Amino acid sequence: MQLFRVAVVGAGPAGYFAAQALQGLQSDDLKFAIDMIEKLPTPWGLVRSGVAPDHPKIKSVS
């Protein structure tokens, strides 16, 4: 089994989806240890303050 340590910088929607994609790739032979790093005291970036109307999928993060 290979274990990869990954740092996702930014806990907004893009960081969340990147971590989710890596988790989806995991198998018995491939594992990821994922750390999310965020400079703000709360995660989710624009989801907390507003999302553009042409990006409705982003709202599904919360």
Protein backbone atom coordinates (compact mmCIF):
# COMPACT_ATOMS: atom_id res chain seq x y z
CA MET A 1 0.00 0.00 0.00
CA GLN A 2 1.23 3.47 -0.88
CA LEU A 3 0.40 6.32 1.50
CA PHE A 4 0.67 9.87 0.19
CA ARG A 5 0.54 12.86 2.54
CA VAL A 6 -1.22 15.75 0.81
CA ALA A 7 -1.63 19.36 1.95
CA VAL A 8 -4.59 21.19 0.46
CA VAL A 9 -4.00 24.92 0.89
CA GLY A 10 -7.29 26.73 1.21
CA ALA A 11 -10.42 25.30 2.80
CA GLY A 12 -12.82 26.91 0.36
CA PRO A 13 -14.90 25.08 -2.24
CA ALA A 14 -11.93 24.29 -4.51
CA GLY A 15 -9.90 22.86 -1.63
CA TYR A 16 -12.87 20.85 -0.41
CA PHE A 17 -13.54 19.37 -3.86
CA ALA A 18 -9.83 18.58 -4.34
CA ALA A 19 -9.75 16.68 -1.05
CA GLN A 20 -12.98 14.89 -1.96
CA ALA A 21 -11.55 13.87 -5.34
CA LEU A 22 -8.45 12.43 -3.67
CA GLN A 23 -10.59 10.48 -1.22
CA GLY A 24 -12.51 9.05 -4.16
CA LEU A 25 -9.27 7.74 -5.68
CA GLN A 26 -8.35 5.73 -2.59
CA SER A 27 -8.19 1.96 -2.85
CA ASP A 28 -6.60 -0.93 -0.98
CA ASP A 29 -3.30 -0.10 -2.71
CA LEU A 30 -3.49 3.70 -2.62
CA LYS A 31 -4.23 5.86 0.43
CA PHE A 32 -4.08 9.60 1.08
CA ALA A 33 -3.56 11.42 4.38
CA ILE A 34 -5.04 14.84 3.66
CA ASP A 35 -4.43 18.01 5.69
CA MET A 36 -6.43 21.13 4.85
CA ILE A 37 -4.69 24.42 5.64
CA GLU A 38 -6.70 27.63 5.95
CA LYS A 39 -5.48 31.09 6.98
CA LEU A 40 -8.91 32.28 8.10
CA PRO A 41 -10.46 31.20 11.41
CA THR A 42 -13.39 29.56 9.59
CA PRO A 43 -13.41 27.32 6.50
CA TRP A 44 -15.50 27.38 3.29
CA GLY A 45 -14.28 30.64 1.73
CA LEU A 46 -16.96 32.25 -0.47
CA VAL A 47 -19.65 29.82 0.62
CA ARG A 48 -19.83 31.69 3.93
CA SER A 49 -20.09 35.13 2.33
CA GLY A 50 -21.89 34.46 -0.94
CA VAL A 51 -21.74 32.46 -4.16
CA ALA A 52 -22.19 33.74 -7.69
CA PRO A 53 -25.56 32.70 -9.17
CA ASP A 54 -23.85 30.90 -12.06
CA HIS A 55 -22.11 28.46 -9.64
CA PRO A 56 -25.00 26.68 -7.87
CA LYS A 57 -23.00 23.48 -7.31
CA ILE A 58 -20.69 25.35 -4.93
CA LYS A 59 -23.58 25.75 -2.47
CA SER A 60 -23.75 21.96 -2.06
CA VAL A 61 -20.43 22.08 -0.17
CA SER A 62 -22.01 23.34 3.02
